[in-house]
C-alpha cells in the first residue's frame, strides 16, 4: 500500500494519451470555431451594407441623384464604422485609385479618415464601360434599375485590393462577393467570373 497522502503522478504514457486527445479535439473544433467567427463577420458586413443602402436611399430622396462617392452619405449613416468590413485587414485605410478612370472606386481614407472598405460601383471604370452606370455624377438609373450593383465587398475572398480587377479575370479567385444593389438589398455573386459576364441572374 502506498504511503497515506502521497501523490501518485501520471505516467509518461498517460500524459501522451491526454495530449493526443487534446490535439485531436483542437483539430476538430478549430475549423468549426473559425467558420462561426467568419459567419459572424459576414453577418456584420451584410448589416453594414444594408444600412449604407438605406443612407443612399435617403440621399437620393434629398438630392434626386446618387452620391458622388460612397462615404458622401455618412451624415445619413450616423456610425462611421458602417463603412468598414470586419474582415478588411487594413480596416478601410486604403490608398488605391481607379487607374482606368478619373474617379475613385475604392476611396479608402481619401474622403473619410476612418476609412472605407467597400467599393462604389458607379465609379468603377469597367462598370461605366459595360454600361452598368453612366459617367457621373449623375449616374443615371443603372442598367438593371433597382438590381444594378451599387457597392461591393470583396474581403470575404480577397486579402488585398487589386486595381487589375477592373479589366482582367480575377486570377485565383475563389469565394463570394457581397453586392449592395440599388434597391438596398444585399446579394452574393461568385468572385471567379469577370465583370463582362455579370447579370442579375448570377445573384444568390
N, C-alpha and C. Protein backbone atom coordinates (compact mmCIF):
# COMPACT_ATOMS: atom_id res chain seq x y z
N UNK A 1 0.83 -1.20 0.00
CA UNK A 1 0.00 0.00 0.00
C UNK A 1 0.87 1.25 0.00
N UNK A 2 0.55 2.22 -0.85
CA UNK A 2 1.34 3.45 -0.85
C UNK A 2 1.14 4.22 0.44
N UNK A 3 2.10 5.05 0.74
CA UNK A 3 2.00 5.87 1.94
C UNK A 3 0.79 6.78 1.86
N UNK A 4 0.12 6.99 3.02
CA UNK A 4 -1.10 7.79 3.05
C UNK A 4 -0.81 9.24 2.68
N UNK A 5 -1.63 9.80 1.77
CA UNK A 5 -1.48 11.18 1.36
C UNK A 5 -0.41 11.40 0.31
N UNK A 6 0.24 10.34 -0.11
CA UNK A 6 1.30 10.50 -1.11
C UNK A 6 0.67 10.65 -2.49
N UNK A 7 1.13 11.65 -3.28
CA UNK A 7 0.57 11.92 -4.61
C UNK A 7 1.18 10.97 -5.64
N UNK A 8 0.33 10.33 -6.39
CA UNK A 8 0.79 9.47 -7.47
C UNK A 8 0.59 10.21 -8.80
N UNK A 9 1.65 10.60 -9.48
CA UNK A 9 1.55 11.34 -10.72
C UNK A 9 1.18 10.46 -11.90
N UNK A 10 0.93 11.14 -13.04
CA UNK A 10 0.63 10.42 -14.27
C UNK A 10 1.91 9.82 -14.84
N UNK A 11 1.76 8.72 -15.48
CA UNK A 11 2.90 8.14 -16.18
C UNK A 11 3.09 8.87 -17.51
N UNK A 12 4.23 8.67 -18.15
CA UNK A 12 4.51 9.31 -19.43
C UNK A 12 3.50 8.90 -20.49
N UNK A 13 3.11 7.64 -20.48
CA UNK A 13 2.13 7.15 -21.47
C UNK A 13 0.79 7.84 -21.28
N UNK A 14 0.38 7.98 -20.01
CA UNK A 14 -0.90 8.65 -19.74
C UNK A 14 -0.87 10.10 -20.18
N UNK A 15 0.25 10.79 -19.93
CA UNK A 15 0.37 12.19 -20.39
C UNK A 15 0.31 12.29 -21.90
N UNK A 16 0.97 11.38 -22.59
CA UNK A 16 0.94 11.40 -24.06
C UNK A 16 -0.46 11.14 -24.59
N UNK A 17 -1.20 10.24 -23.93
CA UNK A 17 -2.57 9.98 -24.35
C UNK A 17 -3.44 11.22 -24.17
N UNK A 18 -3.30 11.89 -23.03
CA UNK A 18 -4.08 13.11 -22.76
C UNK A 18 -3.75 14.19 -23.78
N UNK A 19 -2.43 14.39 -24.05
CA UNK A 19 -2.03 15.39 -25.04
C UNK A 19 -2.59 15.05 -26.41
N UNK A 20 -2.58 13.76 -26.76
CA UNK A 20 -3.13 13.34 -28.05
C UNK A 20 -4.61 13.62 -28.16
N UNK A 21 -5.35 13.35 -27.06
CA UNK A 21 -6.78 13.62 -27.07
C UNK A 21 -7.05 15.12 -27.23
N UNK A 22 -6.29 15.95 -26.52
CA UNK A 22 -6.45 17.40 -26.63
C UNK A 22 -6.15 17.87 -28.05
N UNK A 23 -5.11 17.31 -28.66
CA UNK A 23 -4.74 17.70 -30.03
C UNK A 23 -5.84 17.34 -31.02
N UNK A 24 -6.42 16.16 -30.85
CA UNK A 24 -7.50 15.73 -31.74
C UNK A 24 -8.72 16.62 -31.59
N UNK A 25 -9.09 16.92 -30.34
CA UNK A 25 -10.24 17.79 -30.10
C UNK A 25 -10.01 19.19 -30.67
N UNK A 26 -8.78 19.68 -30.53
CA UNK A 26 -8.45 21.01 -31.09
C UNK A 26 -8.58 20.99 -32.60
N UNK A 27 -8.07 19.94 -33.25
CA UNK A 27 -8.15 19.83 -34.71
C UNK A 27 -9.59 19.77 -35.19
N UNK A 28 -10.46 19.15 -34.38
CA UNK A 28 -11.87 19.04 -34.76
C UNK A 28 -12.61 20.36 -34.55
N UNK A 29 -12.32 21.02 -33.44
CA UNK A 29 -13.10 22.21 -33.06
C UNK A 29 -12.62 23.50 -33.71
N UNK A 30 -11.33 23.61 -34.03
CA UNK A 30 -10.83 24.87 -34.58
C UNK A 30 -11.51 25.29 -35.87
N UNK A 31 -11.68 24.37 -36.86
CA UNK A 31 -12.39 24.79 -38.08
C UNK A 31 -13.82 25.25 -37.80
N UNK A 32 -14.48 24.57 -36.84
CA UNK A 32 -15.85 24.97 -36.50
C UNK A 32 -15.87 26.37 -35.91
N UNK A 33 -14.92 26.65 -34.99
CA UNK A 33 -14.85 27.97 -34.38
C UNK A 33 -14.50 29.04 -35.41
N UNK A 34 -13.58 28.72 -36.32
CA UNK A 34 -13.19 29.68 -37.35
C UNK A 34 -14.37 29.98 -38.28
N UNK A 35 -15.11 28.92 -38.66
CA UNK A 35 -16.27 29.13 -39.53
C UNK A 35 -17.34 29.95 -38.84
N UNK A 36 -17.53 29.74 -37.55
CA UNK A 36 -18.51 30.51 -36.80
C UNK A 36 -18.10 31.98 -36.74
N UNK A 37 -16.81 32.20 -36.52
CA UNK A 37 -16.32 33.58 -36.45
C UNK A 37 -16.48 34.27 -37.80
N UNK A 38 -16.14 33.57 -38.87
CA UNK A 38 -16.26 34.17 -40.20
C UNK A 38 -17.72 34.44 -40.55
N UNK A 39 -18.62 33.54 -40.14
CA UNK A 39 -20.04 33.75 -40.39
C UNK A 39 -20.54 34.98 -39.65
N UNK A 40 -20.07 35.17 -38.42
CA UNK A 40 -20.48 36.35 -37.64
C UNK A 40 -19.96 37.63 -38.31
N UNK A 41 -18.73 37.60 -38.81
CA UNK A 41 -18.18 38.76 -39.50
C UNK A 41 -18.95 39.06 -40.78
N UNK A 42 -19.34 38.00 -41.49
CA UNK A 42 -20.12 38.20 -42.72
C UNK A 42 -21.47 38.81 -42.40
N UNK A 43 -22.08 38.41 -41.29
CA UNK A 43 -23.37 38.97 -40.88
C UNK A 43 -23.23 40.46 -40.58
N UNK A 44 -22.15 40.85 -39.90
CA UNK A 44 -21.90 42.27 -39.62
C UNK A 44 -21.74 43.05 -40.93
N UNK A 45 -20.99 42.47 -41.87
CA UNK A 45 -20.75 43.13 -43.15
C UNK A 45 -22.06 43.34 -43.91
N UNK A 46 -22.90 42.32 -43.94
CA UNK A 46 -24.19 42.43 -44.62
C UNK A 46 -25.04 43.53 -43.98
N UNK A 47 -25.03 43.57 -42.65
CA UNK A 47 -25.77 44.63 -41.95
C UNK A 47 -25.22 46.00 -42.31
N UNK A 48 -23.89 46.14 -42.38
CA UNK A 48 -23.28 47.42 -42.77
C UNK A 48 -23.77 47.85 -44.14
N UNK A 49 -23.73 46.93 -45.11
CA UNK A 49 -24.13 47.27 -46.47
C UNK A 49 -25.61 47.66 -46.54
N UNK A 50 -26.45 46.96 -45.80
CA UNK A 50 -27.87 47.31 -45.81
C UNK A 50 -28.11 48.70 -45.26
N UNK A 51 -27.41 49.04 -44.19
CA UNK A 51 -27.58 50.38 -43.61
C UNK A 51 -27.01 51.46 -44.54
N UNK A 52 -25.93 51.14 -45.24
CA UNK A 52 -25.41 52.07 -46.24
C UNK A 52 -26.44 52.24 -47.36
N UNK A 53 -27.09 51.14 -47.73
CA UNK A 53 -28.15 51.22 -48.74
C UNK A 53 -29.28 52.14 -48.32
N UNK A 54 -29.67 52.09 -47.06
CA UNK A 54 -30.71 52.99 -46.55
C UNK A 54 -30.23 54.44 -46.59
N UNK A 55 -28.96 54.65 -46.25
CA UNK A 55 -28.41 56.00 -46.28
C UNK A 55 -28.39 56.54 -47.71
N UNK A 56 -28.04 55.68 -48.67
CA UNK A 56 -28.05 56.10 -50.08
C UNK A 56 -29.46 56.46 -50.53
N UNK A 57 -30.43 55.68 -50.08
CA UNK A 57 -31.83 55.98 -50.45
C UNK A 57 -32.25 57.35 -49.92
N UNK A 58 -31.87 57.66 -48.68
CA UNK A 58 -32.21 58.97 -48.11
C UNK A 58 -31.50 60.10 -48.87
N UNK A 59 -30.25 59.84 -49.24
CA UNK A 59 -29.52 60.84 -50.04
C UNK A 59 -30.24 61.07 -51.37
N UNK A 60 -30.66 59.99 -52.03
CA UNK A 60 -31.37 60.11 -53.31
C UNK A 60 -32.68 60.88 -53.15
N UNK A 61 -33.38 60.64 -52.05
CA UNK A 61 -34.64 61.35 -51.81
C UNK A 61 -34.40 62.85 -51.67
N UNK A 62 -33.28 63.22 -51.06
CA UNK A 62 -32.99 64.64 -50.83
C UNK A 62 -32.43 65.34 -52.07
N UNK A 63 -31.56 64.64 -52.81
CA UNK A 63 -30.83 65.29 -53.91
C UNK A 63 -31.24 64.81 -55.29
N UNK A 64 -32.10 63.81 -55.36
CA UNK A 64 -32.59 63.28 -56.63
C UNK A 64 -31.47 62.72 -57.51
N UNK A 65 -30.41 62.25 -56.90
CA UNK A 65 -29.32 61.59 -57.62
C UNK A 65 -28.48 60.79 -56.64
N UNK A 66 -27.61 59.97 -57.18
CA UNK A 66 -26.72 59.19 -56.34
C UNK A 66 -25.57 60.06 -55.83
N UNK A 67 -24.98 59.69 -54.71
CA UNK A 67 -23.84 60.46 -54.20
C UNK A 67 -22.63 60.32 -55.11
N UNK A 68 -21.70 61.29 -55.11
CA UNK A 68 -20.52 61.22 -55.96
C UNK A 68 -19.50 60.17 -55.51
N UNK A 69 -19.55 59.79 -54.24
CA UNK A 69 -18.70 58.73 -53.70
C UNK A 69 -19.43 58.14 -52.50
N UNK A 70 -19.03 56.96 -52.06
CA UNK A 70 -19.83 56.22 -51.09
C UNK A 70 -19.97 56.92 -49.75
N UNK A 71 -18.87 57.41 -49.20
CA UNK A 71 -18.94 58.00 -47.86
C UNK A 71 -19.60 59.36 -47.83
N UNK A 72 -20.06 59.86 -48.99
CA UNK A 72 -20.81 61.12 -49.01
C UNK A 72 -22.14 60.99 -48.27
N UNK A 73 -22.57 59.74 -48.00
CA UNK A 73 -23.83 59.53 -47.28
C UNK A 73 -23.60 59.36 -45.79
N UNK A 74 -22.41 59.69 -45.30
CA UNK A 74 -22.08 59.44 -43.89
C UNK A 74 -23.00 60.19 -42.93
N UNK A 75 -23.51 61.36 -43.33
CA UNK A 75 -24.43 62.11 -42.46
C UNK A 75 -25.71 61.30 -42.22
N UNK A 76 -26.14 60.54 -43.22
CA UNK A 76 -27.34 59.72 -43.10
C UNK A 76 -27.05 58.40 -42.40
N UNK A 77 -25.81 57.93 -42.49
CA UNK A 77 -25.46 56.63 -41.90
C UNK A 77 -25.25 56.73 -40.40
N UNK A 78 -24.73 57.86 -39.93
CA UNK A 78 -24.50 58.04 -38.49
C UNK A 78 -23.18 57.44 -38.03
N UNK A 79 -23.15 56.14 -37.79
CA UNK A 79 -21.96 55.47 -37.28
C UNK A 79 -20.98 55.22 -38.42
N UNK A 80 -19.79 55.80 -38.34
CA UNK A 80 -18.80 55.67 -39.41
C UNK A 80 -18.23 54.26 -39.50
N UNK A 81 -18.42 53.46 -38.47
CA UNK A 81 -17.93 52.07 -38.52
C UNK A 81 -18.69 51.25 -39.55
N UNK A 82 -19.84 51.75 -40.02
CA UNK A 82 -20.60 51.05 -41.04
C UNK A 82 -19.82 50.91 -42.34
N UNK A 83 -18.86 51.79 -42.56
CA UNK A 83 -18.11 51.78 -43.82
C UNK A 83 -16.91 50.84 -43.79
N UNK A 84 -16.72 50.13 -42.69
CA UNK A 84 -15.55 49.24 -42.56
C UNK A 84 -16.01 47.80 -42.38
N UNK A 85 -15.55 46.92 -43.28
CA UNK A 85 -15.85 45.49 -43.16
C UNK A 85 -14.97 44.89 -42.07
N UNK A 86 -15.52 44.06 -41.18
CA UNK A 86 -14.71 43.49 -40.09
C UNK A 86 -13.60 42.55 -40.58
N UNK A 87 -13.65 42.13 -41.84
CA UNK A 87 -12.62 41.24 -42.37
C UNK A 87 -11.51 42.01 -43.07
N UNK A 88 -11.76 43.25 -43.41
CA UNK A 88 -10.77 44.06 -44.13
C UNK A 88 -9.50 44.20 -43.29
N UNK A 89 -8.35 43.68 -43.76
CA UNK A 89 -7.13 43.73 -42.95
C UNK A 89 -6.61 45.14 -42.69
N UNK A 90 -6.94 46.10 -43.57
CA UNK A 90 -6.49 47.49 -43.38
C UNK A 90 -7.57 48.37 -42.76
N UNK A 91 -8.69 47.76 -42.41
CA UNK A 91 -9.78 48.49 -41.76
C UNK A 91 -10.18 49.75 -42.52
N UNK A 92 -10.24 49.62 -43.84
CA UNK A 92 -10.71 50.73 -44.67
C UNK A 92 -9.68 51.77 -45.04
N UNK A 93 -8.49 51.70 -44.48
CA UNK A 93 -7.48 52.73 -44.72
C UNK A 93 -6.61 52.36 -45.93
N UNK A 94 -7.24 52.41 -47.09
CA UNK A 94 -6.57 52.07 -48.35
C UNK A 94 -6.18 53.34 -49.10
N UNK A 95 -5.17 53.22 -49.93
CA UNK A 95 -4.74 54.32 -50.80
C UNK A 95 -4.64 53.79 -52.22
N UNK A 96 -5.80 53.47 -52.79
CA UNK A 96 -5.87 52.86 -54.11
C UNK A 96 -6.75 53.72 -54.99
N UNK A 97 -6.28 54.03 -56.20
CA UNK A 97 -7.05 54.82 -57.14
C UNK A 97 -7.45 53.95 -58.33
N UNK A 98 -8.66 54.18 -58.82
CA UNK A 98 -9.14 53.52 -60.02
C UNK A 98 -8.29 54.01 -61.20
N UNK A 99 -7.35 53.19 -61.64
CA UNK A 99 -6.36 53.64 -62.63
C UNK A 99 -6.93 53.82 -64.03
N UNK A 100 -8.14 53.31 -64.28
CA UNK A 100 -8.72 53.47 -65.62
C UNK A 100 -9.74 54.59 -65.69
N UNK A 101 -9.98 55.23 -64.59
CA UNK A 101 -10.99 56.29 -64.59
C UNK A 101 -10.48 57.52 -63.88
N UNK A 102 -11.30 58.54 -63.88
CA UNK A 102 -10.89 59.79 -63.24
C UNK A 102 -11.59 59.98 -61.90
N UNK A 103 -12.10 58.90 -61.33
CA UNK A 103 -12.74 58.99 -60.03
C UNK A 103 -12.44 57.73 -59.23
N UNK A 104 -12.69 57.76 -57.94
CA UNK A 104 -12.33 56.66 -57.06
C UNK A 104 -13.40 55.58 -57.04
N UNK A 105 -12.96 54.34 -57.15
CA UNK A 105 -13.85 53.21 -56.92
C UNK A 105 -13.76 52.78 -55.46
N UNK A 106 -12.54 52.56 -54.97
CA UNK A 106 -12.31 52.31 -53.55
C UNK A 106 -11.65 53.56 -52.99
N UNK A 107 -12.42 54.34 -52.25
CA UNK A 107 -11.90 55.63 -51.78
C UNK A 107 -10.97 55.50 -50.59
N UNK A 108 -11.05 54.38 -49.86
CA UNK A 108 -10.19 54.21 -48.70
C UNK A 108 -10.37 55.33 -47.69
N UNK A 109 -9.27 55.97 -47.32
CA UNK A 109 -9.36 57.07 -46.34
C UNK A 109 -9.19 58.44 -47.00
N UNK A 110 -9.45 58.52 -48.32
CA UNK A 110 -9.27 59.79 -49.04
C UNK A 110 -10.28 60.84 -48.58
N UNK A 111 -11.57 60.44 -48.49
CA UNK A 111 -12.62 61.37 -48.07
C UNK A 111 -12.96 61.21 -46.58
N UNK A 112 -12.81 60.01 -46.09
CA UNK A 112 -13.21 59.70 -44.72
C UNK A 112 -11.99 59.15 -43.97
N UNK A 113 -11.42 59.90 -43.03
CA UNK A 113 -10.19 59.46 -42.35
C UNK A 113 -10.31 58.11 -41.66
N UNK A 114 -11.51 57.76 -41.20
CA UNK A 114 -11.67 56.47 -40.54
C UNK A 114 -11.68 55.30 -41.51
N UNK A 115 -11.76 55.58 -42.81
CA UNK A 115 -11.62 54.54 -43.83
C UNK A 115 -12.92 53.98 -44.36
N UNK A 116 -12.85 53.47 -45.60
CA UNK A 116 -13.97 52.83 -46.27
C UNK A 116 -13.48 51.53 -46.90
N UNK A 117 -14.13 50.43 -46.57
CA UNK A 117 -13.76 49.11 -47.09
C UNK A 117 -14.48 48.75 -48.38
N UNK A 118 -15.62 49.39 -48.63
CA UNK A 118 -16.49 48.98 -49.72
C UNK A 118 -16.24 49.81 -50.98
N UNK A 119 -16.28 49.14 -52.13
CA UNK A 119 -16.10 49.85 -53.39
C UNK A 119 -17.43 50.45 -53.84
N UNK A 120 -17.34 51.49 -54.66
CA UNK A 120 -18.52 52.19 -55.17
C UNK A 120 -18.60 51.93 -56.66
N UNK A 121 -19.54 51.09 -57.07
CA UNK A 121 -19.59 50.60 -58.45
C UNK A 121 -19.78 51.70 -59.48
N UNK A 122 -20.61 52.75 -59.25
CA UNK A 122 -20.72 53.80 -60.28
C UNK A 122 -19.39 54.48 -60.62
N UNK A 123 -18.41 54.42 -59.72
CA UNK A 123 -17.09 55.00 -60.01
C UNK A 123 -16.10 53.96 -60.52
N UNK A 124 -16.58 52.79 -60.92
CA UNK A 124 -15.73 51.72 -61.44
C UNK A 124 -15.68 51.87 -62.95
N UNK A 125 -14.50 52.07 -63.50
CA UNK A 125 -14.36 52.36 -64.93
C UNK A 125 -14.99 51.27 -65.80
N UNK A 126 -14.75 50.00 -65.46
CA UNK A 126 -15.30 48.93 -66.30
C UNK A 126 -16.81 48.87 -66.20
N UNK A 127 -17.39 49.27 -65.07
CA UNK A 127 -18.85 49.29 -64.93
C UNK A 127 -19.45 50.36 -65.85
N UNK A 128 -18.77 51.48 -66.00
CA UNK A 128 -19.24 52.51 -66.94
C UNK A 128 -19.03 52.04 -68.38
N UNK A 129 -17.89 51.39 -68.64
CA UNK A 129 -17.61 50.90 -69.99
C UNK A 129 -18.64 49.86 -70.44
N UNK A 130 -19.06 49.01 -69.51
CA UNK A 130 -20.04 47.98 -69.83
C UNK A 130 -21.48 48.48 -69.77
N UNK A 131 -21.66 49.75 -69.40
CA UNK A 131 -23.00 50.34 -69.40
C UNK A 131 -23.81 50.08 -68.15
N UNK A 132 -23.16 49.62 -67.07
CA UNK A 132 -23.91 49.43 -65.83
C UNK A 132 -24.37 50.78 -65.31
N UNK A 133 -23.47 51.77 -65.38
CA UNK A 133 -23.77 53.13 -64.96
C UNK A 133 -23.24 54.11 -65.99
N UNK A 134 -23.89 55.25 -66.09
CA UNK A 134 -23.37 56.33 -66.92
C UNK A 134 -22.22 57.02 -66.18
N UNK A 135 -21.37 57.70 -66.95
CA UNK A 135 -20.34 58.52 -66.30
C UNK A 135 -21.04 59.61 -65.51
N UNK A 136 -20.64 59.82 -64.32
CA UNK A 136 -21.36 60.78 -63.48
C UNK A 136 -20.44 61.60 -62.62
N UNK A 137 -20.99 62.26 -61.62
CA UNK A 137 -22.44 62.29 -61.39
C UNK A 137 -23.17 63.26 -62.30
N UNK A 138 -24.47 63.10 -62.54
CA UNK A 138 -25.30 61.98 -62.08
C UNK A 138 -25.02 60.71 -62.88
N UNK A 139 -25.38 59.58 -62.32
CA UNK A 139 -25.03 58.30 -62.92
C UNK A 139 -26.17 57.64 -63.68
N UNK A 140 -27.34 58.24 -63.66
CA UNK A 140 -28.48 57.63 -64.33
C UNK A 140 -29.18 56.61 -63.44
N UNK A 141 -29.98 55.75 -64.06
CA UNK A 141 -30.81 54.79 -63.32
C UNK A 141 -30.16 53.43 -63.13
N UNK A 142 -29.07 53.16 -63.82
CA UNK A 142 -28.46 51.84 -63.72
C UNK A 142 -29.01 50.90 -64.78
N UNK A 143 -28.15 50.05 -65.32
CA UNK A 143 -28.53 49.16 -66.42
C UNK A 143 -29.68 48.25 -66.07
N UNK A 144 -29.69 47.72 -64.83
CA UNK A 144 -30.73 46.79 -64.41
C UNK A 144 -31.65 47.44 -63.37
N UNK A 145 -31.75 48.75 -63.42
CA UNK A 145 -32.62 49.50 -62.50
C UNK A 145 -32.28 49.17 -61.06
N UNK A 146 -33.25 48.73 -60.26
CA UNK A 146 -33.04 48.51 -58.84
C UNK A 146 -32.11 47.33 -58.54
N UNK A 147 -31.84 46.48 -59.53
CA UNK A 147 -30.95 45.33 -59.33
C UNK A 147 -29.50 45.64 -59.72
N UNK A 148 -29.23 46.86 -60.16
CA UNK A 148 -27.87 47.23 -60.56
C UNK A 148 -26.95 47.28 -59.35
N UNK A 149 -25.75 46.68 -59.43
CA UNK A 149 -24.81 46.76 -58.30
C UNK A 149 -24.44 48.20 -57.97
N UNK A 150 -24.49 48.52 -56.68
CA UNK A 150 -24.16 49.87 -56.22
C UNK A 150 -22.85 49.89 -55.43
N UNK A 151 -22.65 48.87 -54.60
CA UNK A 151 -21.43 48.78 -53.80
C UNK A 151 -21.07 47.31 -53.64
N UNK A 152 -19.78 47.05 -53.39
CA UNK A 152 -19.31 45.67 -53.27
C UNK A 152 -18.38 45.52 -52.08
N UNK A 153 -18.37 44.31 -51.52
CA UNK A 153 -17.36 43.94 -50.53
C UNK A 153 -16.63 42.70 -51.02
N UNK A 154 -15.33 42.85 -51.24
CA UNK A 154 -14.51 41.74 -51.73
C UNK A 154 -13.74 41.02 -50.63
N UNK A 155 -13.85 41.47 -49.40
CA UNK A 155 -12.95 40.96 -48.36
C UNK A 155 -13.30 39.57 -47.87
N UNK A 156 -14.38 38.99 -48.36
CA UNK A 156 -14.74 37.64 -47.95
C UNK A 156 -14.02 36.59 -48.79
N UNK A 157 -13.30 37.04 -49.80
CA UNK A 157 -12.44 36.11 -50.54
C UNK A 157 -11.04 36.68 -50.75
N UNK A 158 -10.87 38.01 -50.74
CA UNK A 158 -9.59 38.63 -51.07
C UNK A 158 -8.86 39.10 -49.82
N UNK A 159 -7.55 39.15 -49.90
CA UNK A 159 -6.73 39.65 -48.79
C UNK A 159 -6.25 41.07 -49.05
N UNK A 160 -6.28 41.51 -50.31
CA UNK A 160 -5.89 42.87 -50.63
C UNK A 160 -6.63 43.34 -51.88
N UNK A 161 -6.80 44.64 -52.01
CA UNK A 161 -7.47 45.21 -53.17
C UNK A 161 -6.48 45.29 -54.33
N UNK A 162 -6.90 44.86 -55.50
CA UNK A 162 -6.04 44.85 -56.67
C UNK A 162 -6.69 45.64 -57.80
N UNK A 163 -6.07 46.71 -58.29
CA UNK A 163 -6.68 47.51 -59.36
C UNK A 163 -6.96 46.73 -60.63
N UNK A 164 -6.24 45.60 -60.89
CA UNK A 164 -6.46 44.85 -62.13
C UNK A 164 -7.80 44.13 -62.13
N UNK A 165 -8.54 44.15 -61.00
CA UNK A 165 -9.89 43.59 -61.00
C UNK A 165 -10.77 44.31 -62.01
N UNK A 166 -10.34 45.47 -62.45
CA UNK A 166 -11.17 46.26 -63.36
C UNK A 166 -11.32 45.62 -64.73
N UNK A 167 -10.25 45.03 -65.24
CA UNK A 167 -10.29 44.56 -66.62
C UNK A 167 -9.99 43.08 -66.77
N UNK A 168 -9.21 42.50 -65.86
CA UNK A 168 -8.77 41.12 -66.02
C UNK A 168 -9.65 40.17 -65.22
N UNK A 169 -9.69 38.94 -65.71
CA UNK A 169 -10.31 37.89 -64.90
C UNK A 169 -9.53 37.79 -63.59
N UNK A 170 -10.22 37.68 -62.48
CA UNK A 170 -9.56 37.68 -61.19
C UNK A 170 -8.80 36.37 -61.03
N UNK A 171 -7.48 36.45 -61.08
CA UNK A 171 -6.64 35.26 -61.05
C UNK A 171 -6.72 34.58 -59.69
N UNK A 172 -7.08 33.30 -59.70
CA UNK A 172 -7.11 32.53 -58.48
C UNK A 172 -8.25 32.85 -57.54
N UNK A 173 -9.25 33.61 -58.01
CA UNK A 173 -10.36 33.99 -57.14
C UNK A 173 -11.19 32.76 -56.78
N UNK A 174 -11.51 32.65 -55.50
CA UNK A 174 -12.40 31.60 -55.03
C UNK A 174 -13.18 32.15 -53.85
N UNK A 175 -14.46 32.25 -54.02
CA UNK A 175 -15.27 32.77 -52.92
C UNK A 175 -16.40 33.65 -53.40
N UNK A 176 -16.93 34.45 -52.47
CA UNK A 176 -18.12 35.24 -52.73
C UNK A 176 -17.83 36.73 -52.62
N UNK A 177 -18.49 37.50 -53.48
CA UNK A 177 -18.52 38.96 -53.38
C UNK A 177 -19.90 39.35 -52.88
N UNK A 178 -19.96 40.16 -51.84
CA UNK A 178 -21.24 40.70 -51.38
C UNK A 178 -21.55 41.96 -52.17
N UNK A 179 -22.75 42.05 -52.70
CA UNK A 179 -23.14 43.19 -53.54
C UNK A 179 -24.37 43.87 -52.96
N UNK A 180 -24.25 45.18 -52.77
CA UNK A 180 -25.39 46.02 -52.41
C UNK A 180 -26.01 46.54 -53.70
N UNK A 181 -27.29 46.24 -53.92
CA UNK A 181 -27.96 46.69 -55.13
C UNK A 181 -28.64 48.04 -54.88
N UNK A 182 -29.08 48.66 -55.96
CA UNK A 182 -29.67 50.00 -55.87
C UNK A 182 -30.91 50.02 -54.97
N UNK A 183 -31.62 48.90 -54.88
CA UNK A 183 -32.82 48.86 -54.05
C UNK A 183 -32.52 48.60 -52.58
N UNK A 184 -31.24 48.51 -52.21
CA UNK A 184 -30.87 48.33 -50.81
C UNK A 184 -30.70 46.90 -50.38
N UNK A 185 -30.93 45.94 -51.27
CA UNK A 185 -30.76 44.53 -50.92
C UNK A 185 -29.27 44.15 -51.02
N UNK A 186 -28.89 43.12 -50.27
CA UNK A 186 -27.52 42.61 -50.33
C UNK A 186 -27.57 41.20 -50.91
N UNK A 187 -26.87 40.99 -52.01
CA UNK A 187 -26.85 39.69 -52.69
C UNK A 187 -25.41 39.19 -52.78
N UNK A 188 -25.25 37.94 -53.20
CA UNK A 188 -23.92 37.36 -53.36
C UNK A 188 -23.71 36.95 -54.81
N UNK A 189 -22.47 37.09 -55.29
CA UNK A 189 -22.06 36.53 -56.58
C UNK A 189 -20.70 35.88 -56.40
N UNK A 190 -20.39 34.92 -57.25
CA UNK A 190 -19.09 34.30 -57.20
C UNK A 190 -18.03 35.29 -57.69
N UNK A 191 -16.84 35.20 -57.11
CA UNK A 191 -15.76 36.12 -57.47
C UNK A 191 -15.07 35.73 -58.77
N UNK A 192 -15.21 34.47 -59.19
CA UNK A 192 -14.44 33.98 -60.33
C UNK A 192 -14.80 34.60 -61.68
N UNK A 193 -16.08 34.76 -62.04
CA UNK A 193 -16.41 35.29 -63.37
C UNK A 193 -15.99 36.75 -63.52
N UNK A 194 -15.53 37.16 -64.71
CA UNK A 194 -15.15 38.55 -64.94
C UNK A 194 -16.38 39.45 -65.03
N UNK A 195 -16.20 40.77 -64.89
CA UNK A 195 -17.35 41.69 -64.91
C UNK A 195 -18.20 41.60 -66.17
N UNK A 196 -17.58 41.34 -67.33
CA UNK A 196 -18.36 41.35 -68.57
C UNK A 196 -19.32 40.15 -68.67
N UNK A 197 -19.25 39.22 -67.74
CA UNK A 197 -20.19 38.10 -67.72
C UNK A 197 -21.29 38.28 -66.67
N UNK A 198 -21.26 39.43 -65.98
CA UNK A 198 -22.24 39.62 -64.90
C UNK A 198 -23.63 39.93 -65.44
N UNK A 199 -24.62 39.30 -64.82
CA UNK A 199 -26.03 39.67 -64.97
C UNK A 199 -26.69 39.42 -63.61
N UNK A 200 -27.84 40.04 -63.33
CA UNK A 200 -28.54 39.78 -62.06
C UNK A 200 -28.93 38.34 -61.87
N UNK A 201 -28.96 37.54 -62.96
CA UNK A 201 -29.27 36.12 -62.82
C UNK A 201 -28.20 35.38 -62.04
N UNK A 202 -27.03 36.00 -61.89
CA UNK A 202 -25.94 35.37 -61.12
C UNK A 202 -26.09 35.58 -59.62
N UNK A 203 -27.04 36.41 -59.21
CA UNK A 203 -27.22 36.65 -57.78
C UNK A 203 -27.66 35.38 -57.05
N UNK A 204 -27.19 35.25 -55.82
CA UNK A 204 -27.66 34.20 -54.92
C UNK A 204 -28.36 34.86 -53.74
